[in-house]
Structure formats: C-alpha cells, structure tokens
C-alpha atoms as a PDB file:
ATOM      1  CA  MET A   1       0.206  33.502 -11.211  1.00  0.00           C
ATOM      2  CA  GLN A   2       1.038  29.978 -12.631  1.00  0.00           C
ATOM      3  CA  ILE A   3       2.734  27.139 -10.703  1.00  0.00           C
ATOM      4  CA  ARG A   4       3.980  23.830 -11.960  1.00  0.00           C
ATOM      5  CA  ILE A   5       4.243  21.084  -9.274  1.00  0.00           C
ATOM      6  CA  ILE A   6       4.301  17.448  -8.698  1.00  0.00           C
ATOM      7  CA  VAL A   7       1.297  16.214  -6.363  1.00  0.00           C
ATOM      8  CA  ASN A   8       1.200  12.531  -5.614  1.00  0.00           C
ATOM      9  CA  GLY A   9       3.509  11.613  -8.602  1.00  0.00           C
ATOM     10  CA  ARG A  10       1.574  13.484 -10.974  1.00  0.00           C
ATOM     11  CA  PRO A  11       2.560  16.980 -12.762  1.00  0.00           C
ATOM     12  CA  VAL A  12      -0.052  19.450 -12.000  1.00  0.00           C
ATOM     13  CA  GLU A  13      -0.156  22.938 -13.354  1.00  0.00           C
ATOM     14  CA  ARG A  14      -2.552  25.750 -12.216  1.00  0.00           C
ATOM     15  CA  GLU A  15      -3.107  29.322 -12.097  1.00  0.00           C
ATOM     16  CA  ILE A  16      -3.221  30.560  -8.493  1.00  0.00           C
ATOM     17  CA  GLU A  17      -3.749  33.879  -6.578  1.00  0.00           C
ATOM     18  CA  ALA A  18      -0.657  35.303  -4.907  1.00  0.00           C
ATOM     19  CA  ASP A  19      -1.932  34.817  -1.341  1.00  0.00           C
ATOM     20  CA  MET A  20      -3.197  31.063  -1.773  1.00  0.00           C
ATOM     21  CA  ARG A  21      -2.334  28.989   0.844  1.00  0.00           C
ATOM     22  CA  LEU A  22      -1.064  25.299  -0.058  1.00  0.00           C
ATOM     23  CA  LEU A  23      -3.669  23.846   1.846  1.00  0.00           C
ATOM     24  CA  ASP A  24      -6.089  25.442  -0.105  1.00  0.00           C
ATOM     25  CA  LEU A  25      -4.529  24.778  -3.373  1.00  0.00           C
ATOM     26  CA  LEU A  26      -4.683  20.933  -2.368  1.00  0.00           C
ATOM     27  CA  ARG A  27      -8.433  20.866  -0.977  1.00  0.00           C
ATOM     28  CA  ASP A  28      -9.981  23.317  -2.837  1.00  0.00           C
ATOM     29  CA  GLY A  29      -7.956  23.601  -6.222  1.00  0.00           C
ATOM     30  CA  LEU A  30      -7.272  19.916  -6.317  1.00  0.00           C
ATOM     31  CA  HIS A  31      -9.763  18.295  -4.217  1.00  0.00           C
ATOM     32  CA  LEU A  32      -7.414  16.346  -2.285  1.00  0.00           C
ATOM     33  CA  THR A  33      -9.499  16.460   0.914  1.00  0.00           C
ATOM     34  CA  GLY A  34      -7.455  14.384   3.342  1.00  0.00           C
ATOM     35  CA  THR A  35      -5.452  17.229   4.207  1.00  0.00           C
ATOM     36  CA  LYS A  36      -7.350  18.904   6.871  1.00  0.00           C
ATOM     37  CA  GLU A  37      -7.517  22.493   8.459  1.00  0.00           C
ATOM     38  CA  GLY A  38      -7.411  22.251  12.280  1.00  0.00           C
ATOM     39  CA  CYS A  39      -6.054  25.603  13.572  1.00  0.00           C
ATOM     40  CA  GLY A  40      -4.790  27.331  10.392  1.00  0.00           C
ATOM     41  CA  GLU A  41      -1.777  28.388  12.319  1.00  0.00           C
ATOM     42  CA  GLY A  42       0.783  25.499  12.226  1.00  0.00           C
ATOM     43  CA  GLU A  43       0.006  24.263  15.634  1.00  0.00           C
ATOM     44  CA  CYS A  44      -1.879  21.078  15.120  1.00  0.00           C
ATOM     45  CA  GLY A  45      -0.402  18.989  12.247  1.00  0.00           C
ATOM     46  CA  ALA A  46      -3.923  18.002  10.628  1.00  0.00           C
ATOM     47  CA  CYS A  47      -2.701  19.858   7.284  1.00  0.00           C
ATOM     48  CA  THR A  48       0.786  18.017   7.256  1.00  0.00           C
ATOM     49  CA  VAL A  49       2.129  17.014   3.722  1.00  0.00           C
ATOM     50  CA  LEU A  50       5.585  16.301   2.327  1.00  0.00           C
ATOM     51  CA  LEU A  51       6.979  19.143   0.664  1.00  0.00           C
ATOM     52  CA  ASP A  52      10.037  17.394  -1.384  1.00  0.00           C
ATOM     53  CA  GLY A  53      10.250  14.643   1.577  1.00  0.00           C
ATOM     54  CA  GLN A  54       9.989  16.912   4.579  1.00  0.00           C
ATOM     55  CA  ALA A  55       6.960  17.051   6.798  1.00  0.00           C
ATOM     56  CA  VAL A  56       5.583  20.721   6.688  1.00  0.00           C
ATOM     57  CA  ASN A  57       2.204  22.455   7.456  1.00  0.00           C
ATOM     58  CA  SER A  58       0.480  23.091   4.396  1.00  0.00           C
ATOM     59  CA  CYS A  59      -1.642  26.153   6.133  1.00  0.00           C
ATOM     60  CA  LEU A  60       1.629  27.864   6.656  1.00  0.00           C
ATOM     61  CA  ILE A  61       2.863  27.754   3.099  1.00  0.00           C
ATOM     62  CA  LEU A  62       2.052  29.827   0.260  1.00  0.00           C
ATOM     63  CA  ALA A  63       1.211  27.699  -2.943  1.00  0.00           C
ATOM     64  CA  ALA A  64       3.317  30.177  -4.880  1.00  0.00           C
ATOM     65  CA  GLN A  65       6.344  28.933  -2.628  1.00  0.00           C
ATOM     66  CA  VAL A  66       6.079  25.284  -3.893  1.00  0.00           C
ATOM     67  CA  ASP A  67       6.705  26.127  -7.670  1.00  0.00           C
ATOM     68  CA  GLY A  68       8.616  23.200  -9.054  1.00  0.00           C
ATOM     69  CA  LYS A  69       8.489  21.059  -6.059  1.00  0.00           C
ATOM     70  CA  GLU A  70       7.006  17.826  -5.170  1.00  0.00           C
ATOM     71  CA  ILE A  71       4.129  17.401  -2.724  1.00  0.00           C
ATOM     72  CA  LEU A  72       2.805  14.001  -1.055  1.00  0.00           C
ATOM     73  CA  THR A  73      -0.480  14.119   0.575  1.00  0.00           C
ATOM     74  CA  VAL A  74      -2.098  11.192   2.446  1.00  0.00           C
ATOM     75  CA  GLU A  75      -3.921  10.433  -0.754  1.00  0.00           C
ATOM     76  CA  GLY A  76      -0.565   9.442  -2.575  1.00  0.00           C
ATOM     77  CA  ILE A  77       0.514   7.133   0.355  1.00  0.00           C
ATOM     78  CA  SER A  78      -1.848   4.296  -0.573  1.00  0.00           C
ATOM     79  CA  LYS A  79      -1.988   2.530  -3.781  1.00  0.00           C
ATOM     80  CA  GLY A  80      -5.444   2.727  -5.035  1.00  0.00           C
ATOM     81  CA  ASN A  81      -7.927   0.900  -2.511  1.00  0.00           C
ATOM     82  CA  THR A  82      -4.928  -1.204  -0.814  1.00  0.00           C
ATOM     83  CA  LEU A  83      -3.972   0.758   2.314  1.00  0.00           C
ATOM     84  CA  HIS A  84      -0.227   1.415   2.972  1.00  0.00           C
ATOM     85  CA  PRO A  85       1.241  -0.425   5.902  1.00  0.00           C
ATOM     86  CA  ILE A  86       1.091   2.630   7.815  1.00  0.00           C
ATOM     87  CA  GLN A  87      -2.490   3.111   7.419  1.00  0.00           C
ATOM     88  CA  GLN A  88      -3.120  -0.528   8.045  1.00  0.00           C
ATOM     89  CA  ALA A  89      -1.330  -0.288  11.302  1.00  0.00           C
ATOM     90  CA  PHE A  90      -3.274   2.784  12.466  1.00  0.00           C
ATOM     91  CA  VAL A  91      -6.407   0.990  11.900  1.00  0.00           C
ATOM     92  CA  GLU A  92      -5.158  -2.776  13.555  1.00  0.00           C
ATOM     93  CA  GLU A  93      -3.654  -0.701  16.550  1.00  0.00           C
ATOM     94  CA  GLY A  94      -6.963   1.595  17.053  1.00  0.00           C
ATOM     95  CA  ALA A  95      -4.859   4.547  16.634  1.00  0.00           C
ATOM     96  CA  VAL A  96      -7.668   6.160  14.719  1.00  0.00           C
ATOM     97  CA  GLN A  97     -10.732   7.382  16.631  1.00  0.00           C
ATOM     98  CA  CYS A  98     -12.764  10.557  14.965  1.00  0.00           C
ATOM     99  CA  GLY A  99     -10.095  10.275  12.374  1.00  0.00           C
ATOM    100  CA  PHE A 100      -9.558  14.336  11.874  1.00  0.00           C
ATOM    101  CA  CYS A 101      -5.922  14.270  12.701  1.00  0.00           C
ATOM    102  CA  THR A 102      -5.307  10.735  11.381  1.00  0.00           C
ATOM    103  CA  PRO A 103      -3.985  11.914   7.868  1.00  0.00           C
ATOM    104  CA  GLY A 104      -1.367  14.263   9.462  1.00  0.00           C
ATOM    105  CA  PHE A 105      -0.159  11.293  11.644  1.00  0.00           C
ATOM    106  CA  ILE A 106       0.095   9.171   8.681  1.00  0.00           C
ATOM    107  CA  VAL A 107       2.236  11.686   6.620  1.00  0.00           C
ATOM    108  CA  SER A 108       4.378  12.385   9.551  1.00  0.00           C
ATOM    109  CA  THR A 109       5.124   8.671  10.296  1.00  0.00           C
ATOM    110  CA  TYR A 110       5.645   8.253   6.439  1.00  0.00           C
ATOM    111  CA  ALA A 111       8.546  10.802   6.614  1.00  0.00           C
ATOM    112  CA  LEU A 112       9.974   9.391   9.931  1.00  0.00           C
ATOM    113  CA  LEU A 113       9.770   5.605   8.460  1.00  0.00           C
ATOM    114  CA  LYS A 114      11.446   6.710   5.351  1.00  0.00           C
ATOM    115  CA  SER A 115      14.417   8.091   7.315  1.00  0.00           C
ATOM    116  CA  ASN A 116      14.323   5.788  10.330  1.00  0.00           C
ATOM    117  CA  PRO A 117      13.070   2.559   9.551  1.00  0.00           C
ATOM    118  CA  ALA A 118      13.171   1.170  13.448  1.00  0.00           C
ATOM    119  CA  PRO A 119      12.487   4.313  15.573  1.00  0.00           C
ATOM    120  CA  SER A 120      12.518   4.200  19.354  1.00  0.00           C
ATOM    121  CA  ASP A 121       9.561   5.700  21.452  1.00  0.00           C
ATOM    122  CA  GLN A 122      11.551   8.883  21.608  1.00  0.00           C
ATOM    123  CA  GLU A 123      12.221   9.277  17.989  1.00  0.00           C
ATOM    124  CA  ILE A 124       8.531   8.656  17.103  1.00  0.00           C
ATOM    125  CA  THR A 125       7.402  11.326  19.861  1.00  0.00           C
ATOM    126  CA  SER A 126       9.978  13.703  18.795  1.00  0.00           C
ATOM    127  CA  ALA A 127       8.756  13.224  14.835  1.00  0.00           C
ATOM    128  CA  LEU A 128       5.304  13.537  15.809  1.00  0.00           C
ATOM    129  CA  THR A 129       5.510  16.542  18.222  1.00  0.00           C
ATOM    130  CA  GLY A 130       3.770  18.936  15.509  1.00  0.00           C
ATOM    131  CA  ASN A 131       0.579  16.584  15.276  1.00  0.00           C
ATOM    132  CA  LEU A 132      -2.178  16.970  17.763  1.00  0.00           C
ATOM    133  CA  CYS A 133      -5.081  14.336  18.679  1.00  0.00           C
ATOM    134  CA  ARG A 134      -7.758  15.419  20.912  1.00  0.00           C
ATOM    135  CA  CYS A 135      -9.232  11.661  21.256  1.00  0.00           C
ATOM    136  CA  THR A 136      -6.377   9.314  21.970  1.00  0.00           C
ATOM    137  CA  GLY A 137      -3.775   9.206  24.475  1.00  0.00           C
ATOM    138  CA  TYR A 138      -1.010   8.893  22.077  1.00  0.00           C
ATOM    139  CA  VAL A 139       0.028   5.345  23.163  1.00  0.00           C
ATOM    140  CA  LYS A 140      -1.865   3.696  20.433  1.00  0.00           C
ATOM    141  CA  ILE A 141      -0.354   5.987  17.849  1.00  0.00           C
ATOM    142  CA  VAL A 142       3.171   5.338  19.213  1.00  0.00           C
ATOM    143  CA  ASP A 143       2.044   1.463  18.992  1.00  0.00           C
ATOM    144  CA  ALA A 144       0.774   2.259  15.298  1.00  0.00           C
ATOM    145  CA  VAL A 145       4.186   3.551  14.389  1.00  0.00           C
ATOM    146  CA  HIS A 146       6.162   0.537  15.859  1.00  0.00           C
ATOM    147  CA  HIS A 147       3.695  -1.862  13.950  1.00  0.00           C
ATOM    148  CA  ALA A 148       3.962  -0.021  10.705  1.00  0.00           C
ATOM    149  CA  ALA A 149       7.911  -0.105  10.904  1.00  0.00           C
ATOM    150  CA  LYS A 150       7.339  -4.140  11.351  1.00  0.00           C
ATOM    151  CA  LEU A 151       4.673  -4.652   8.364  1.00  0.00           C
ATOM    152  CA  MET A 152       7.215  -2.426   6.219  1.00  0.00           C
ATOM    153  CA  HIS A 153      10.024  -4.368   7.183  1.00  0.00           C
ATOM    154  CA  GLN A 154       8.199  -7.578   6.449  1.00  0.00           C
ATOM    155  CA  LYS A 155       6.801  -6.263   3.030  1.00  0.00           C
ATOM    156  CA  GLU A 156      10.131  -5.121   2.078  1.00  0.00           C
ATOM    157  CA  GLY A 157      11.773  -8.718   2.983  1.00  0.00           C
ATOM    158  CA  ARG A 158       8.952 -10.163   0.773  1.00  0.00           C
ATOM    159  CA  SER A 159       9.914  -7.978  -2.141  1.00  0.00           C
ATOM    160  CA  ARG A 160      13.483  -8.637  -2.066  1.00  0.00           C
ATOM    161  CA  ARG A 161      12.679 -12.517  -2.061  1.00  0.00           C
ATOM    162  CA  ALA A 162      10.335 -12.067  -5.033  1.00  0.00           C
ATOM    163  CA  LEU A 163      13.458 -10.580  -7.218  1.00  0.00           C
END
C-alpha cells in the first residue's frame, strides 16, 4: 500500500505493508531513530511523536492510518545542530540520564508548550502522564519544562524585537 505523509516538514511517499506500525516506518523505513520502542503497548511514551499536532504513541498506530497526515519526531524539533530551547532546558536542568525516554518527553513537552506557554506543575504532570522514566524522580523533568517555557518566551521576545 502506498502512503504520502509529511515528516518533520518534508513530504514522504512510501510503499508499506498493511500491518506496519508508524514506529517501524519512522525507525526502519525513514531511519529516524530518535523515536524509541520501549514497551510496544502504549504505556511508556518512549515512541511519542506529534501526529497533526497531537502527541501520540507511534507503537499503537498503523502507518496506513497516517496517510495524508503530518508527523513531527524529535529530530524535527531541533534546527540542524542547534538545540531547540526544550532540548537545551532538559540538558541544563539535568533531566536526561540514560536518555532513552528523553525523546518522548521532549516531543510531549513541545506539544504542551505550543498550546500552553506557561503551564503549572499540575498541567505539566498531566501532559507528561503517558511518559515514563526509570532514572529520574520527575522533578528535574518538570523543572526542565518550566525552564524551556522561559527560554522559549525569551527567544520569542528577541524575535519580535528583531522585526
């Protein structure tokens, strides 16, 4: 079956098997290995991507279901070698340890901050509920989201002044 999608802003056309998961298309078909398979059951969030702007578990979605849609992976969040403010904040706050869950947290945070640029602790916790980490106590992750919100606000202010 043939599908056409937009991945990280680029059009992609692929021949796929009817039972191929979106996760496998991204990792094996498109070599976007930032999206991780943790549980394969939609419980851990390591495979989180944005599908038409909504955070979803790519292990639970068939690639055929995304025909005509737009997908954003962790690779699409940064601009070349320049970290996105969310990625920068996760590093600065020590919210990355083994790093396996980090792409899912980054993508979920991106979705949250796009819709809510100044979330409370409760809103952050709610938005990240589907992401599990075995290394941190989540405090640093919540701190990183707050820090990212500040960095993004500062960057946005600089961009407006430049106009």
